[in-house]
C-alpha atoms as a PDB file:
ATOM      1  CA  MET A   1     -29.135  -5.150  16.307  1.00  0.00           C
ATOM      2  CA  LEU A   2     -32.389  -4.477  17.862  1.00  0.00           C
ATOM      3  CA  ASN A   3     -33.562  -6.517  20.883  1.00  0.00           C
ATOM      4  CA  LYS A   4     -36.142  -6.132  23.747  1.00  0.00           C
ATOM      5  CA  SER A   5     -34.598  -4.131  25.924  1.00  0.00           C
ATOM      6  CA  THR A   6     -34.111  -1.404  23.164  1.00  0.00           C
ATOM      7  CA  VAL A   7     -37.845  -2.128  22.460  1.00  0.00           C
ATOM      8  CA  THR A   8     -38.777  -1.462  26.111  1.00  0.00           C
ATOM      9  CA  GLU A   9     -36.903   1.755  25.921  1.00  0.00           C
ATOM     10  CA  TYR A  10     -38.632   3.016  22.927  1.00  0.00           C
ATOM     11  CA  LEU A  11     -41.843   2.211  24.159  1.00  0.00           C
ATOM     12  CA  GLU A  12     -41.534   3.819  27.476  1.00  0.00           C
ATOM     13  CA  ASN A  13     -39.984   6.983  26.051  1.00  0.00           C
ATOM     14  CA  TYR A  14     -43.024   7.070  23.982  1.00  0.00           C
ATOM     15  CA  LEU A  15     -45.183   6.762  26.401  1.00  0.00           C
ATOM     16  CA  ALA A  16     -43.397   9.436  28.388  1.00  0.00           C
ATOM     17  CA  ASP A  17     -43.713  11.636  25.963  1.00  0.00           C
ATOM     18  CA  LEU A  18     -47.608  10.866  25.414  1.00  0.00           C
ATOM     19  CA  GLU A  19     -48.483  11.318  29.242  1.00  0.00           C
ATOM     20  CA  TYR A  20     -46.276  14.329  29.129  1.00  0.00           C
ATOM     21  CA  ALA A  21     -48.442  16.195  26.367  1.00  0.00           C
ATOM     22  CA  TYR A  22     -51.309  14.970  27.416  1.00  0.00           C
ATOM     23  CA  GLY A  23     -50.846  15.981  31.066  1.00  0.00           C
ATOM     24  CA  ARG A  24     -52.306  16.396  34.695  1.00  0.00           C
ATOM     25  CA  ASN A  25     -55.113  18.522  32.822  1.00  0.00           C
ATOM     26  CA  LYS A  26     -56.081  15.571  30.180  1.00  0.00           C
ATOM     27  CA  SER A  27     -55.001  18.235  27.214  1.00  0.00           C
ATOM     28  CA  LEU A  28     -56.223  16.447  24.090  1.00  0.00           C
ATOM     29  CA  GLU A  29     -55.626  19.663  22.171  1.00  0.00           C
ATOM     30  CA  ASN A  30     -51.881  18.958  23.221  1.00  0.00           C
ATOM     31  CA  LEU A  31     -51.528  15.520  22.908  1.00  0.00           C
ATOM     32  CA  ASN A  32     -53.177  15.833  19.332  1.00  0.00           C
ATOM     33  CA  PHE A  33     -51.122  18.728  18.452  1.00  0.00           C
ATOM     34  CA  ILE A  34     -47.683  17.394  19.245  1.00  0.00           C
ATOM     35  CA  THR A  35     -47.987  13.803  17.444  1.00  0.00           C
ATOM     36  CA  CYS A  36     -48.015  12.684  14.279  1.00  0.00           C
ATOM     37  CA  SER A  37     -48.247   9.071  13.531  1.00  0.00           C
ATOM     38  CA  THR A  38     -50.383   8.753  16.514  1.00  0.00           C
ATOM     39  CA  PRO A  39     -54.281   8.335  16.193  1.00  0.00           C
ATOM     40  CA  TRP A  40     -56.065  11.154  16.871  1.00  0.00           C
ATOM     41  CA  PHE A  41     -58.252  11.501  19.900  1.00  0.00           C
ATOM     42  CA  ASN A  42     -61.819  12.796  19.560  1.00  0.00           C
ATOM     43  CA  ASN A  43     -62.423  12.294  23.429  1.00  0.00           C
ATOM     44  CA  GLU A  44     -60.364  11.476  26.674  1.00  0.00           C
ATOM     45  CA  GLN A  45     -61.830   8.249  27.094  1.00  0.00           C
ATOM     46  CA  GLU A  46     -59.893   7.141  23.571  1.00  0.00           C
ATOM     47  CA  ALA A  47     -57.073   8.760  24.698  1.00  0.00           C
ATOM     48  CA  ASP A  48     -56.998   7.090  28.278  1.00  0.00           C
ATOM     49  CA  GLU A  49     -57.744   3.923  26.336  1.00  0.00           C
ATOM     50  CA  TYR A  50     -54.927   4.227  23.974  1.00  0.00           C
ATOM     51  CA  LEU A  51     -52.588   5.225  26.921  1.00  0.00           C
ATOM     52  CA  GLU A  52     -53.557   2.140  28.817  1.00  0.00           C
ATOM     53  CA  GLU A  53     -53.031  -0.213  26.148  1.00  0.00           C
ATOM     54  CA  LEU A  54     -49.956   1.139  25.475  1.00  0.00           C
ATOM     55  CA  ARG A  55     -48.623   0.689  28.965  1.00  0.00           C
ATOM     56  CA  SER A  56     -49.688  -2.814  28.977  1.00  0.00           C
ATOM     57  CA  VAL A  57     -47.185  -3.273  25.519  1.00  0.00           C
ATOM     58  CA  ALA A  58     -44.647  -1.358  27.264  1.00  0.00           C
ATOM     59  CA  GLY A  59     -44.978  -3.687  31.044  1.00  0.00           C
ATOM     60  CA  ALA A  60     -45.476  -7.042  28.634  1.00  0.00           C
ATOM     61  CA  PHE A  61     -41.921  -6.082  26.630  1.00  0.00           C
ATOM     62  CA  LYS A  62     -40.273  -5.170  29.702  1.00  0.00           C
ATOM     63  CA  GLN A  63     -41.328  -8.319  31.902  1.00  0.00           C
ATOM     64  CA  ALA A  64     -40.446 -10.469  28.612  1.00  0.00           C
ATOM     65  CA  SER A  65     -36.955  -8.712  28.676  1.00  0.00           C
ATOM     66  CA  TRP A  66     -36.317  -9.408  32.315  1.00  0.00           C
ATOM     67  CA  SER A  67     -37.270 -12.873  32.106  1.00  0.00           C
ATOM     68  CA  LYS A  68     -34.935 -14.062  29.380  1.00  0.00           C
ATOM     69  CA  ARG A  69     -31.904 -12.314  31.416  1.00  0.00           C
END
């Protein structure tokens, strides 16, 4: 059964993979190359906004899963 904790882990792992690919140098080439279903990023602003939204979603799920325990 899928629960909020599992969803949170999936989101956090996905985020970590994207952040690793994007890296400190903000390599759009790496980020776009290793992903398949993630949107294509044309510039750093698009990538940064996507990652920030994903951080917010992961954080909301994490907070919700902890508040229900």
